[in-house]
């Protein structure tokens, strides 16, 4: 049975690419939105007038656009 690493011990295990993709595409945007919303409630609006980055919807993108 593997032993648990002590707190503060660097880990060398890599994240599965599917899990990393899910984190990047689901978790991170939700966390950013929650952060921006909380800052706006505190009176510190951080949102730009126009989005700085636009991501095309991959389901509506043809192979030529990729």
PDB file of N, CA and C in Angstrom:
ATOM      1  N   UNK A   1       0.845  -1.184   0.000  1.00  0.00           N
ATOM      2  CA  UNK A   1       0.000   0.000   0.000  1.00  0.00           C
ATOM      3  C   UNK A   1       0.889   1.247   0.000  1.00  0.00           C
ATOM      4  N   UNK A   2       0.665   2.185  -0.953  1.00  0.00           N
ATOM      5  CA  UNK A   2       1.497   3.383  -1.004  1.00  0.00           C
ATOM      6  C   UNK A   2       1.257   4.260   0.221  1.00  0.00           C
ATOM      7  N   UNK A   3       2.321   4.928   0.622  1.00  0.00           N
ATOM      8  CA  UNK A   3       2.200   5.816   1.776  1.00  0.00           C
ATOM      9  C   UNK A   3       1.852   7.225   1.308  1.00  0.00           C
ATOM     10  N   UNK A   4       1.189   7.971   2.173  1.00  0.00           N
ATOM     11  CA  UNK A   4       0.825   9.349   1.871  1.00  0.00           C
ATOM     12  C   UNK A   4       2.070  10.230   1.955  1.00  0.00           C
ATOM     13  N   UNK A   5       2.165  11.213   1.065  1.00  0.00           N
ATOM     14  CA  UNK A   5       3.254  12.171   1.130  1.00  0.00           C
ATOM     15  C   UNK A   5       3.005  13.123   2.300  1.00  0.00           C
ATOM     16  N   UNK A   6       4.070  13.547   2.926  1.00  0.00           N
ATOM     17  CA  UNK A   6       3.939  14.495   4.030  1.00  0.00           C
ATOM     18  C   UNK A   6       3.518  15.854   3.469  1.00  0.00           C
ATOM     19  N   UNK A   7       2.740  16.627   4.232  1.00  0.00           N
ATOM     20  CA  UNK A   7       2.351  17.963   3.757  1.00  0.00           C
ATOM     21  C   UNK A   7       3.587  18.794   3.415  1.00  0.00           C
ATOM     22  N   UNK A   8       3.511  19.504   2.314  1.00  0.00           N
ATOM     23  CA  UNK A   8       4.620  20.343   1.880  1.00  0.00           C
ATOM     24  C   UNK A   8       5.645  19.615   1.043  1.00  0.00           C
ATOM     25  N   UNK A   9       5.473  18.309   0.856  1.00  0.00           N
ATOM     26  CA  UNK A   9       6.403  17.535   0.046  1.00  0.00           C
ATOM     27  C   UNK A   9       6.043  17.702  -1.423  1.00  0.00           C
ATOM     28  N   UNK A  10       7.003  18.078  -2.272  1.00  0.00           N
ATOM     29  CA  UNK A  10       6.682  18.228  -3.694  1.00  0.00           C
ATOM     30  C   UNK A  10       6.242  16.903  -4.297  1.00  0.00           C
ATOM     31  N   UNK A  11       5.276  16.977  -5.172  1.00  0.00           N
ATOM     32  CA  UNK A  11       4.767  15.775  -5.835  1.00  0.00           C
ATOM     33  C   UNK A  11       5.236  15.761  -7.281  1.00  0.00           C
ATOM     34  N   UNK A  12       5.522  14.592  -7.779  1.00  0.00           N
ATOM     35  CA  UNK A  12       5.993  14.489  -9.160  1.00  0.00           C
ATOM     36  C   UNK A  12       4.945  13.883 -10.085  1.00  0.00           C
ATOM     37  N   UNK A  13       3.773  13.534  -9.561  1.00  0.00           N
ATOM     38  CA  UNK A  13       2.742  12.923 -10.396  1.00  0.00           C
ATOM     39  C   UNK A  13       2.176  13.947 -11.379  1.00  0.00           C
ATOM     40  N   UNK A  14       1.945  13.506 -12.600  1.00  0.00           N
ATOM     41  CA  UNK A  14       1.381  14.379 -13.615  1.00  0.00           C
ATOM     42  C   UNK A  14      -0.132  14.237 -13.624  1.00  0.00           C
ATOM     43  N   UNK A  15      -0.813  15.300 -14.067  1.00  0.00           N
ATOM     44  CA  UNK A  15      -2.266  15.275 -14.174  1.00  0.00           C
ATOM     45  C   UNK A  15      -2.635  14.661 -15.516  1.00  0.00           C
ATOM     46  N   UNK A  16      -3.621  13.782 -15.495  1.00  0.00           N
ATOM     47  CA  UNK A  16      -4.145  13.173 -16.704  1.00  0.00           C
ATOM     48  C   UNK A  16      -4.572  14.299 -17.659  1.00  0.00           C
ATOM     49  N   UNK A  17      -4.302  14.171 -18.947  1.00  0.00           N
ATOM     50  CA  UNK A  17      -4.610  15.234 -19.911  1.00  0.00           C
ATOM     51  C   UNK A  17      -6.109  15.532 -19.980  1.00  0.00           C
ATOM     52  N   UNK A  18      -6.951  14.513 -19.812  1.00  0.00           N
ATOM     53  CA  UNK A  18      -8.404  14.757 -19.831  1.00  0.00           C
ATOM     54  C   UNK A  18      -8.838  15.558 -18.604  1.00  0.00           C
ATOM     55  N   UNK A  19      -8.248  15.255 -17.460  1.00  0.00           N
ATOM     56  CA  UNK A  19      -8.570  15.992 -16.238  1.00  0.00           C
ATOM     57  C   UNK A  19      -8.080  17.431 -16.366  1.00  0.00           C
ATOM     58  N   UNK A  20      -6.884  17.618 -16.897  1.00  0.00           N
ATOM     59  CA  UNK A  20      -6.341  18.969 -17.081  1.00  0.00           C
ATOM     60  C   UNK A  20      -7.226  19.773 -18.023  1.00  0.00           C
ATOM     61  N   UNK A  21      -7.672  19.157 -19.094  1.00  0.00           N
ATOM     62  CA  UNK A  21      -8.553  19.833 -20.035  1.00  0.00           C
ATOM     63  C   UNK A  21      -9.856  20.244 -19.358  1.00  0.00           C
ATOM     64  N   UNK A  22     -10.421  19.357 -18.546  1.00  0.00           N
ATOM     65  CA  UNK A  22     -11.656  19.658 -17.823  1.00  0.00           C
ATOM     66  C   UNK A  22     -11.443  20.819 -16.849  1.00  0.00           C
ATOM     67  N   UNK A  23     -10.323  20.803 -16.140  1.00  0.00           N
ATOM     68  CA  UNK A  23     -10.015  21.900 -15.218  1.00  0.00           C
ATOM     69  C   UNK A  23      -9.905  23.211 -15.989  1.00  0.00           C
ATOM     70  N   UNK A  24      -9.155  23.198 -17.096  1.00  0.00           N
ATOM     71  CA  UNK A  24      -8.948  24.412 -17.896  1.00  0.00           C
ATOM     72  C   UNK A  24     -10.237  24.944 -18.510  1.00  0.00           C
ATOM     73  N   UNK A  25     -11.121  24.044 -18.927  1.00  0.00           N
ATOM     74  CA  UNK A  25     -12.314  24.458 -19.661  1.00  0.00           C
ATOM     75  C   UNK A  25     -13.568  24.616 -18.804  1.00  0.00           C
ATOM     76  N   UNK A  26     -13.581  24.063 -17.593  1.00  0.00           N
ATOM     77  CA  UNK A  26     -14.770  24.132 -16.744  1.00  0.00           C
ATOM     78  C   UNK A  26     -14.476  24.855 -15.434  1.00  0.00           C
ATOM     79  N   UNK A  27     -13.514  24.360 -14.691  1.00  0.00           N
ATOM     80  CA  UNK A  27     -13.253  24.889 -13.352  1.00  0.00           C
ATOM     81  C   UNK A  27     -12.676  26.303 -13.397  1.00  0.00           C
ATOM     82  N   UNK A  28     -11.661  26.529 -14.201  1.00  0.00           N
ATOM     83  CA  UNK A  28     -11.011  27.844 -14.232  1.00  0.00           C
ATOM     84  C   UNK A  28     -11.984  28.953 -14.649  1.00  0.00           C
ATOM     85  N   UNK A  29     -12.766  28.784 -15.723  1.00  0.00           N
ATOM     86  CA  UNK A  29     -13.708  29.860 -16.068  1.00  0.00           C
ATOM     87  C   UNK A  29     -14.723  30.152 -14.957  1.00  0.00           C
ATOM     88  N   UNK A  30     -15.183  29.124 -14.260  1.00  0.00           N
ATOM     89  CA  UNK A  30     -16.137  29.332 -13.160  1.00  0.00           C
ATOM     90  C   UNK A  30     -15.465  30.102 -12.033  1.00  0.00           C
ATOM     91  N   UNK A  31     -14.240  29.742 -11.690  1.00  0.00           N
ATOM     92  CA  UNK A  31     -13.527  30.442 -10.625  1.00  0.00           C
ATOM     93  C   UNK A  31     -13.259  31.896 -10.991  1.00  0.00           C
ATOM     94  N   UNK A  32     -12.897  32.152 -12.232  1.00  0.00           N
ATOM     95  CA  UNK A  32     -12.656  33.526 -12.673  1.00  0.00           C
ATOM     96  C   UNK A  32     -13.942  34.335 -12.608  1.00  0.00           C
ATOM     97  N   UNK A  33     -15.058  33.766 -13.070  1.00  0.00           N
ATOM     98  CA  UNK A  33     -16.339  34.457 -13.024  1.00  0.00           C
ATOM     99  C   UNK A  33     -16.730  34.780 -11.580  1.00  0.00           C
ATOM    100  N   UNK A  34     -16.575  33.808 -10.685  1.00  0.00           N
ATOM    101  CA  UNK A  34     -16.899  34.041  -9.277  1.00  0.00           C
ATOM    102  C   UNK A  34     -16.017  35.133  -8.684  1.00  0.00           C
ATOM    103  N   UNK A  35     -14.740  35.145  -9.037  1.00  0.00           N
ATOM    104  CA  UNK A  35     -13.828  36.175  -8.544  1.00  0.00           C
ATOM    105  C   UNK A  35     -14.253  37.550  -9.041  1.00  0.00           C
ATOM    106  N   UNK A  36     -14.526  37.653 -10.340  1.00  0.00           N
ATOM    107  CA  UNK A  36     -14.936  38.943 -10.894  1.00  0.00           C
ATOM    108  C   UNK A  36     -16.245  39.423 -10.265  1.00  0.00           C
ATOM    109  N   UNK A  37     -17.191  38.512 -10.075  1.00  0.00           N
ATOM    110  CA  UNK A  37     -18.458  38.875  -9.437  1.00  0.00           C
ATOM    111  C   UNK A  37     -18.230  39.365  -8.012  1.00  0.00           C
ATOM    112  N   UNK A  38     -17.364  38.692  -7.258  1.00  0.00           N
ATOM    113  CA  UNK A  38     -17.115  39.104  -5.874  1.00  0.00           C
ATOM    114  C   UNK A  38     -16.430  40.466  -5.822  1.00  0.00           C
ATOM    115  N   UNK A  39     -15.543  40.739  -6.768  1.00  0.00           N
ATOM    116  CA  UNK A  39     -14.871  42.039  -6.800  1.00  0.00           C
ATOM    117  C   UNK A  39     -15.853  43.146  -7.171  1.00  0.00           C
ATOM    118  N   UNK A  40     -16.788  42.853  -8.072  1.00  0.00           N
ATOM    119  CA  UNK A  40     -17.794  43.851  -8.440  1.00  0.00           C
ATOM    120  C   UNK A  40     -18.680  44.174  -7.240  1.00  0.00           C
ATOM    121  N   UNK A  41     -19.030  43.157  -6.456  1.00  0.00           N
ATOM    122  CA  UNK A  41     -19.850  43.385  -5.267  1.00  0.00           C
ATOM    123  C   UNK A  41     -19.112  44.243  -4.245  1.00  0.00           C
ATOM    124  N   UNK A  42     -17.794  44.162  -4.230  1.00  0.00           N
ATOM    125  CA  UNK A  42     -16.993  44.969  -3.309  1.00  0.00           C
ATOM    126  C   UNK A  42     -16.744  46.365  -3.867  1.00  0.00           C
ATOM    127  N   UNK A  43     -17.260  46.647  -5.053  1.00  0.00           N
ATOM    128  CA  UNK A  43     -17.088  47.968  -5.648  1.00  0.00           C
ATOM    129  C   UNK A  43     -15.835  48.117  -6.475  1.00  0.00           C
ATOM    130  N   UNK A  44     -15.278  47.016  -6.899  1.00  0.00           N
ATOM    131  CA  UNK A  44     -14.069  47.054  -7.724  1.00  0.00           C
ATOM    132  C   UNK A  44     -14.351  46.375  -9.052  1.00  0.00           C
ATOM    133  N   UNK A  45     -15.071  47.042  -9.963  1.00  0.00           N
ATOM    134  CA  UNK A  45     -15.372  46.400 -11.245  1.00  0.00           C
ATOM    135  C   UNK A  45     -14.090  46.120 -12.027  1.00  0.00           C
ATOM    136  N   UNK A  46     -13.961  44.902 -12.491  1.00  0.00           N
ATOM    137  CA  UNK A  46     -12.762  44.483 -13.220  1.00  0.00           C
ATOM    138  C   UNK A  46     -13.057  44.071 -14.649  1.00  0.00           C
ATOM    139  N   UNK A  47     -14.317  44.023 -15.008  1.00  0.00           N
ATOM    140  CA  UNK A  47     -14.674  43.557 -16.347  1.00  0.00           C
ATOM    141  C   UNK A  47     -14.417  44.655 -17.389  1.00  0.00           C
ATOM    142  N   UNK A  48     -13.934  44.233 -18.530  1.00  0.00           N
ATOM    143  CA  UNK A  48     -13.695  45.153 -19.634  1.00  0.00           C
ATOM    144  C   UNK A  48     -15.005  45.363 -20.398  1.00  0.00           C
ATOM    145  N   UNK A  49     -15.084  46.469 -21.127  1.00  0.00           N
ATOM    146  CA  UNK A  49     -16.263  46.743 -21.941  1.00  0.00           C
ATOM    147  C   UNK A  49     -16.485  45.625 -22.954  1.00  0.00           C
ATOM    148  N   UNK A  50     -15.408  45.238 -23.626  1.00  0.00           N
ATOM    149  CA  UNK A  50     -15.465  44.152 -24.602  1.00  0.00           C
ATOM    150  C   UNK A  50     -14.575  43.015 -24.099  1.00  0.00           C
ATOM    151  N   UNK A  51     -14.931  41.785 -24.404  1.00  0.00           N
ATOM    152  CA  UNK A  51     -14.059  40.681 -23.995  1.00  0.00           C
ATOM    153  C   UNK A  51     -12.682  40.815 -24.625  1.00  0.00           C
ATOM    154  N   UNK A  52     -11.657  40.537 -23.846  1.00  0.00           N
ATOM    155  CA  UNK A  52     -10.292  40.613 -24.366  1.00  0.00           C
ATOM    156  C   UNK A  52      -9.966  39.408 -25.230  1.00  0.00           C
ATOM    157  N   UNK A  53     -10.581  38.284 -24.927  1.00  0.00           N
ATOM    158  CA  UNK A  53     -10.328  37.047 -25.653  1.00  0.00           C
ATOM    159  C   UNK A  53     -11.661  36.454 -26.048  1.00  0.00           C
ATOM    160  N   UNK A  54     -11.748  35.996 -27.274  1.00  0.00           N
ATOM    161  CA  UNK A  54     -12.951  35.321 -27.710  1.00  0.00           C
ATOM    162  C   UNK A  54     -12.578  33.919 -28.150  1.00  0.00           C
ATOM    163  N   UNK A  55     -13.297  32.952 -27.631  1.00  0.00           N
ATOM    164  CA  UNK A  55     -13.048  31.555 -27.974  1.00  0.00           C
ATOM    165  C   UNK A  55     -14.168  31.071 -28.874  1.00  0.00           C
ATOM    166  N   UNK A  56     -13.833  30.594 -30.056  1.00  0.00           N
ATOM    167  CA  UNK A  56     -14.888  30.088 -30.935  1.00  0.00           C
ATOM    168  C   UNK A  56     -15.491  28.818 -30.351  1.00  0.00           C
ATOM    169  N   UNK A  57     -16.751  28.613 -30.620  1.00  0.00           N
ATOM    170  CA  UNK A  57     -17.427  27.392 -30.190  1.00  0.00           C
ATOM    171  C   UNK A  57     -16.951  26.281 -31.109  1.00  0.00           C
ATOM    172  N   UNK A  58     -16.242  25.309 -30.567  1.00  0.00           N
ATOM    173  CA  UNK A  58     -15.642  24.260 -31.390  1.00  0.00           C
ATOM    174  C   UNK A  58     -16.701  23.425 -32.123  1.00  0.00           C
ATOM    175  N   UNK A  59     -17.928  23.367 -31.598  1.00  0.00           N
ATOM    176  CA  UNK A  59     -18.974  22.591 -32.254  1.00  0.00           C
ATOM    177  C   UNK A  59     -19.457  23.285 -33.530  1.00  0.00           C
ATOM    178  N   UNK A  60     -19.320  24.616 -33.579  1.00  0.00           N
ATOM    179  CA  UNK A  60     -19.783  25.372 -34.739  1.00  0.00           C
ATOM    180  C   UNK A  60     -18.639  25.762 -35.664  1.00  0.00           C
ATOM    181  N   UNK A  61     -17.440  25.297 -35.395  1.00  0.00           N
ATOM    182  CA  UNK A  61     -16.285  25.651 -36.200  1.00  0.00           C
ATOM    183  C   UNK A  61     -16.012  24.578 -37.238  1.00  0.00           C
ATOM    184  N   UNK A  62     -15.865  24.987 -38.485  1.00  0.00           N
ATOM    185  CA  UNK A  62     -15.576  24.014 -39.537  1.00  0.00           C
ATOM    186  C   UNK A  62     -14.095  23.636 -39.478  1.00  0.00           C
ATOM    187  N   UNK A  63     -13.740  22.577 -40.146  1.00  0.00           N
ATOM    188  CA  UNK A  63     -12.358  22.109 -40.168  1.00  0.00           C
ATOM    189  C   UNK A  63     -11.439  23.154 -40.810  1.00  0.00           C
ATOM    190  N   UNK A  64     -11.955  23.971 -41.736  1.00  0.00           N
ATOM    191  CA  UNK A  64     -11.138  24.988 -42.393  1.00  0.00           C
ATOM    192  C   UNK A  64     -10.728  26.082 -41.428  1.00  0.00           C
ATOM    193  N   UNK A  65     -11.592  26.367 -40.416  1.00  0.00           N
ATOM    194  CA  UNK A  65     -11.317  27.439 -39.475  1.00  0.00           C
ATOM    195  C   UNK A  65     -10.297  27.028 -38.409  1.00  0.00           C
ATOM    196  N   UNK A  66     -10.051  25.747 -38.261  1.00  0.00           N
ATOM    197  CA  UNK A  66      -9.147  25.267 -37.208  1.00  0.00           C
ATOM    198  C   UNK A  66      -7.711  25.425 -37.601  1.00  0.00           C
TER     199      UNK A  66
END
